């Protein structure tokens, strides 16, 4: 639970430069829909297969992308460990994300579940080997700039 709390904290507090630190060097981050996930489709709204790609995404977010100013507030449910073996755990965790717009309005932005492969090392602690963000809705109403 503390790991997901820290994950959400760096996003919600606009400390996204720390977000890639939640991942192993060799990782996968995918944001997709429930329908695409059920059909085994690899395409997603966001796809990154290394920590370097995550760092590039944050650099683009800060330096190149143009989007309406907003921020998120995550509510993350209790994780369920589905499988555990030799330093790797498969975990499913529900989430809700509210989006706070620059004018102060708050709206429910996304709901879904994180499907994670979490690795534990003595040197680095818990890191995401894989996070597949499965959104319940088929559409996101605006540019998905900030990570979920």
C-alpha atoms as a PDB file:
ATOM      1  CA  UNK A   1       0.000   0.000   0.000  1.00  0.00           C
ATOM      2  CA  UNK A   2       2.810   2.425   0.794  1.00  0.00           C
ATOM      3  CA  UNK A   3       4.313   1.871  -2.653  1.00  0.00           C
ATOM      4  CA  UNK A   4       1.103   2.907  -4.441  1.00  0.00           C
ATOM      5  CA  UNK A   5       0.687   5.843  -2.074  1.00  0.00           C
ATOM      6  CA  UNK A   6       4.155   7.109  -3.037  1.00  0.00           C
ATOM      7  CA  UNK A   7       3.409   6.477  -6.735  1.00  0.00           C
ATOM      8  CA  UNK A   8       0.248   8.616  -6.541  1.00  0.00           C
ATOM      9  CA  UNK A   9       1.921  11.257  -4.372  1.00  0.00           C
ATOM     10  CA  UNK A  10       4.605  12.147  -6.917  1.00  0.00           C
ATOM     11  CA  UNK A  11       1.979  12.516  -9.653  1.00  0.00           C
ATOM     12  CA  UNK A  12      -0.615  14.358  -7.568  1.00  0.00           C
ATOM     13  CA  UNK A  13       1.961  16.752  -6.066  1.00  0.00           C
ATOM     14  CA  UNK A  14       3.411  17.586  -9.494  1.00  0.00           C
ATOM     15  CA  UNK A  15       6.712  15.880  -8.728  1.00  0.00           C
ATOM     16  CA  UNK A  16       6.486  13.788 -11.898  1.00  0.00           C
ATOM     17  CA  UNK A  17      10.246  13.836 -12.414  1.00  0.00           C
ATOM     18  CA  UNK A  18      10.291  11.221  -9.604  1.00  0.00           C
ATOM     19  CA  UNK A  19       7.621   9.053 -11.277  1.00  0.00           C
ATOM     20  CA  UNK A  20      10.073   6.983 -13.411  1.00  0.00           C
ATOM     21  CA  UNK A  21      11.885   6.026 -10.183  1.00  0.00           C
ATOM     22  CA  UNK A  22       8.885   3.808  -9.369  1.00  0.00           C
ATOM     23  CA  UNK A  23       9.885   1.565 -12.290  1.00  0.00           C
ATOM     24  CA  UNK A  24      12.670  -0.915 -12.963  1.00  0.00           C
ATOM     25  CA  UNK A  25      15.056   0.032 -15.767  1.00  0.00           C
ATOM     26  CA  UNK A  26      13.581  -2.646 -18.021  1.00  0.00           C
ATOM     27  CA  UNK A  27       9.850  -2.055 -17.640  1.00  0.00           C
ATOM     28  CA  UNK A  28       6.525  -1.684 -19.406  1.00  0.00           C
ATOM     29  CA  UNK A  29       3.974   1.078 -18.800  1.00  0.00           C
ATOM     30  CA  UNK A  30       0.791   0.789 -20.822  1.00  0.00           C
ATOM     31  CA  UNK A  31      -2.475   2.724 -20.539  1.00  0.00           C
ATOM     32  CA  UNK A  32      -5.302   0.946 -22.321  1.00  0.00           C
ATOM     33  CA  UNK A  33      -9.037   0.279 -22.155  1.00  0.00           C
ATOM     34  CA  UNK A  34     -10.746  -2.725 -20.616  1.00  0.00           C
ATOM     35  CA  UNK A  35     -12.080  -3.821 -24.011  1.00  0.00           C
ATOM     36  CA  UNK A  36      -8.644  -3.667 -25.655  1.00  0.00           C
ATOM     37  CA  UNK A  37      -7.103  -5.515 -22.716  1.00  0.00           C
ATOM     38  CA  UNK A  38      -9.722  -8.286 -22.833  1.00  0.00           C
ATOM     39  CA  UNK A  39      -9.080  -8.697 -26.563  1.00  0.00           C
ATOM     40  CA  UNK A  40      -5.310  -8.915 -25.999  1.00  0.00           C
ATOM     41  CA  UNK A  41      -4.557  -5.786 -28.026  1.00  0.00           C
ATOM     42  CA  UNK A  42      -1.103  -4.344 -27.344  1.00  0.00           C
ATOM     43  CA  UNK A  43      -1.896  -0.797 -28.498  1.00  0.00           C
ATOM     44  CA  UNK A  44      -2.630   1.770 -25.852  1.00  0.00           C
ATOM     45  CA  UNK A  45      -3.065   5.467 -25.207  1.00  0.00           C
ATOM     46  CA  UNK A  46       0.406   5.456 -23.656  1.00  0.00           C
ATOM     47  CA  UNK A  47       3.104   2.857 -24.315  1.00  0.00           C
ATOM     48  CA  UNK A  48       6.612   2.914 -22.853  1.00  0.00           C
ATOM     49  CA  UNK A  49       8.915  -0.088 -22.575  1.00  0.00           C
ATOM     50  CA  UNK A  50      11.818   1.342 -20.575  1.00  0.00           C
ATOM     51  CA  UNK A  51      12.509   3.785 -17.774  1.00  0.00           C
ATOM     52  CA  UNK A  52      14.264   5.965 -20.368  1.00  0.00           C
ATOM     53  CA  UNK A  53      11.003   6.257 -22.320  1.00  0.00           C
ATOM     54  CA  UNK A  54       9.223   7.288 -19.112  1.00  0.00           C
ATOM     55  CA  UNK A  55      11.860   9.957 -18.479  1.00  0.00           C
ATOM     56  CA  UNK A  56      11.454  11.198 -22.066  1.00  0.00           C
ATOM     57  CA  UNK A  57       7.694  11.406 -21.539  1.00  0.00           C
ATOM     58  CA  UNK A  58       8.181  13.599 -18.464  1.00  0.00           C
ATOM     59  CA  UNK A  59      10.717  15.801 -20.285  1.00  0.00           C
ATOM     60  CA  UNK A  60       8.202  16.277 -23.118  1.00  0.00           C
ATOM     61  CA  UNK A  61       5.469  17.016 -20.579  1.00  0.00           C
ATOM     62  CA  UNK A  62       7.583  19.767 -19.039  1.00  0.00           C
ATOM     63  CA  UNK A  63       9.246  21.187 -22.140  1.00  0.00           C
ATOM     64  CA  UNK A  64       7.331  20.412 -25.339  1.00  0.00           C
ATOM     65  CA  UNK A  65       3.696  19.416 -24.830  1.00  0.00           C
ATOM     66  CA  UNK A  66       0.983  22.050 -24.854  1.00  0.00           C
ATOM     67  CA  UNK A  67      -2.105  21.142 -22.848  1.00  0.00           C
ATOM     68  CA  UNK A  68      -4.639  22.794 -20.577  1.00  0.00           C
ATOM     69  CA  UNK A  69      -3.246  23.115 -17.080  1.00  0.00           C
ATOM     70  CA  UNK A  70      -4.721  20.546 -14.682  1.00  0.00           C
ATOM     71  CA  UNK A  71      -3.697  18.152 -11.948  1.00  0.00           C
ATOM     72  CA  UNK A  72      -4.832  14.811 -10.581  1.00  0.00           C
ATOM     73  CA  UNK A  73      -5.853  13.343  -7.252  1.00  0.00           C
ATOM     74  CA  UNK A  74      -5.626   9.545  -7.038  1.00  0.00           C
ATOM     75  CA  UNK A  75      -7.726   7.309  -4.820  1.00  0.00           C
ATOM     76  CA  UNK A  76      -6.131   3.885  -4.836  1.00  0.00           C
ATOM     77  CA  UNK A  77      -7.818   0.801  -3.456  1.00  0.00           C
ATOM     78  CA  UNK A  78      -6.273  -2.128  -1.655  1.00  0.00           C
ATOM     79  CA  UNK A  79      -3.926  -4.241  -3.757  1.00  0.00           C
ATOM     80  CA  UNK A  80      -4.614  -7.937  -4.222  1.00  0.00           C
ATOM     81  CA  UNK A  81      -1.590 -10.178  -4.733  1.00  0.00           C
ATOM     82  CA  UNK A  82      -2.528 -12.654  -7.445  1.00  0.00           C
ATOM     83  CA  UNK A  83       0.758 -14.528  -7.653  1.00  0.00           C
ATOM     84  CA  UNK A  84       4.141 -14.429  -5.941  1.00  0.00           C
ATOM     85  CA  UNK A  85       7.369 -16.165  -6.926  1.00  0.00           C
ATOM     86  CA  UNK A  86      11.102 -15.510  -6.571  1.00  0.00           C
ATOM     87  CA  UNK A  87      11.115 -11.754  -5.990  1.00  0.00           C
ATOM     88  CA  UNK A  88       8.234 -11.022  -8.412  1.00  0.00           C
ATOM     89  CA  UNK A  89       4.598 -10.427  -7.500  1.00  0.00           C
ATOM     90  CA  UNK A  90       1.575  -9.994  -9.759  1.00  0.00           C
ATOM     91  CA  UNK A  91      -0.786  -7.484  -8.187  1.00  0.00           C
ATOM     92  CA  UNK A  92      -4.156  -5.986  -9.137  1.00  0.00           C
ATOM     93  CA  UNK A  93      -5.217  -2.653  -7.626  1.00  0.00           C
ATOM     94  CA  UNK A  94      -8.326  -0.556  -8.339  1.00  0.00           C
ATOM     95  CA  UNK A  95      -8.020   3.204  -8.783  1.00  0.00           C
ATOM     96  CA  UNK A  96     -10.007   6.387  -9.327  1.00  0.00           C
ATOM     97  CA  UNK A  97      -8.464   9.613 -10.593  1.00  0.00           C
ATOM     98  CA  UNK A  98     -10.101  13.030 -10.247  1.00  0.00           C
ATOM     99  CA  UNK A  99      -8.936  15.836 -12.501  1.00  0.00           C
ATOM    100  CA  UNK A 100      -8.767  19.349 -11.058  1.00  0.00           C
ATOM    101  CA  UNK A 101      -8.951  21.954 -13.813  1.00  0.00           C
ATOM    102  CA  UNK A 102      -7.256  25.326 -13.698  1.00  0.00           C
ATOM    103  CA  UNK A 103     -10.627  26.996 -13.011  1.00  0.00           C
ATOM    104  CA  UNK A 104     -11.012  24.862  -9.875  1.00  0.00           C
ATOM    105  CA  UNK A 105     -13.652  22.428 -11.112  1.00  0.00           C
ATOM    106  CA  UNK A 106     -13.128  18.806 -10.182  1.00  0.00           C
ATOM    107  CA  UNK A 107     -14.368  15.877 -12.249  1.00  0.00           C
ATOM    108  CA  UNK A 108     -13.998  12.138 -12.227  1.00  0.00           C
ATOM    109  CA  UNK A 109     -11.352  11.579 -14.913  1.00  0.00           C
ATOM    110  CA  UNK A 110     -10.613   7.855 -14.931  1.00  0.00           C
ATOM    111  CA  UNK A 111     -11.410   4.641 -13.106  1.00  0.00           C
ATOM    112  CA  UNK A 112      -9.889   1.251 -13.585  1.00  0.00           C
ATOM    113  CA  UNK A 113      -7.263  -1.095 -12.271  1.00  0.00           C
ATOM    114  CA  UNK A 114      -3.525  -1.397 -12.239  1.00  0.00           C
ATOM    115  CA  UNK A 115      -2.210  -4.787 -13.327  1.00  0.00           C
ATOM    116  CA  UNK A 116       1.315  -4.866 -11.992  1.00  0.00           C
ATOM    117  CA  UNK A 117       4.395  -7.007 -11.925  1.00  0.00           C
ATOM    118  CA  UNK A 118       6.379  -5.786  -8.943  1.00  0.00           C
ATOM    119  CA  UNK A 119       9.995  -6.704  -8.305  1.00  0.00           C
ATOM    120  CA  UNK A 120      11.695  -6.425  -4.938  1.00  0.00           C
ATOM    121  CA  UNK A 121      15.427  -5.955  -4.643  1.00  0.00           C
ATOM    122  CA  UNK A 122      17.497  -5.198  -1.583  1.00  0.00           C
ATOM    123  CA  UNK A 123      19.270  -2.369  -3.401  1.00  0.00           C
ATOM    124  CA  UNK A 124      16.242  -0.577  -4.893  1.00  0.00           C
ATOM    125  CA  UNK A 125      13.225  -1.810  -2.920  1.00  0.00           C
ATOM    126  CA  UNK A 126       9.935  -2.265  -4.764  1.00  0.00           C
ATOM    127  CA  UNK A 127       9.879  -1.315  -8.441  1.00  0.00           C
ATOM    128  CA  UNK A 128       7.347  -1.828 -11.194  1.00  0.00           C
ATOM    129  CA  UNK A 129       8.500  -4.272 -13.825  1.00  0.00           C
ATOM    130  CA  UNK A 130       5.168  -3.768 -15.537  1.00  0.00           C
ATOM    131  CA  UNK A 131       2.153  -1.539 -14.950  1.00  0.00           C
ATOM    132  CA  UNK A 132      -0.780  -1.983 -17.267  1.00  0.00           C
ATOM    133  CA  UNK A 133      -3.345   0.702 -16.525  1.00  0.00           C
ATOM    134  CA  UNK A 134      -6.704  -0.725 -17.599  1.00  0.00           C
ATOM    135  CA  UNK A 135      -9.261   2.081 -17.812  1.00  0.00           C
ATOM    136  CA  UNK A 136     -12.933   1.170 -17.407  1.00  0.00           C
ATOM    137  CA  UNK A 137     -14.110   3.729 -19.968  1.00  0.00           C
ATOM    138  CA  UNK A 138     -13.555   3.458 -23.702  1.00  0.00           C
ATOM    139  CA  UNK A 139     -12.603   7.112 -23.982  1.00  0.00           C
ATOM    140  CA  UNK A 140     -10.658   9.765 -22.162  1.00  0.00           C
ATOM    141  CA  UNK A 141     -12.263  13.165 -22.681  1.00  0.00           C
ATOM    142  CA  UNK A 142      -9.034  15.109 -23.056  1.00  0.00           C
ATOM    143  CA  UNK A 143      -5.370  14.721 -23.875  1.00  0.00           C
ATOM    144  CA  UNK A 144      -3.819  12.220 -21.503  1.00  0.00           C
ATOM    145  CA  UNK A 145      -0.704  14.231 -20.671  1.00  0.00           C
ATOM    146  CA  UNK A 146      -0.018  13.331 -17.045  1.00  0.00           C
ATOM    147  CA  UNK A 147       0.570   9.653 -16.193  1.00  0.00           C
ATOM    148  CA  UNK A 148      -2.185   7.716 -14.484  1.00  0.00           C
END
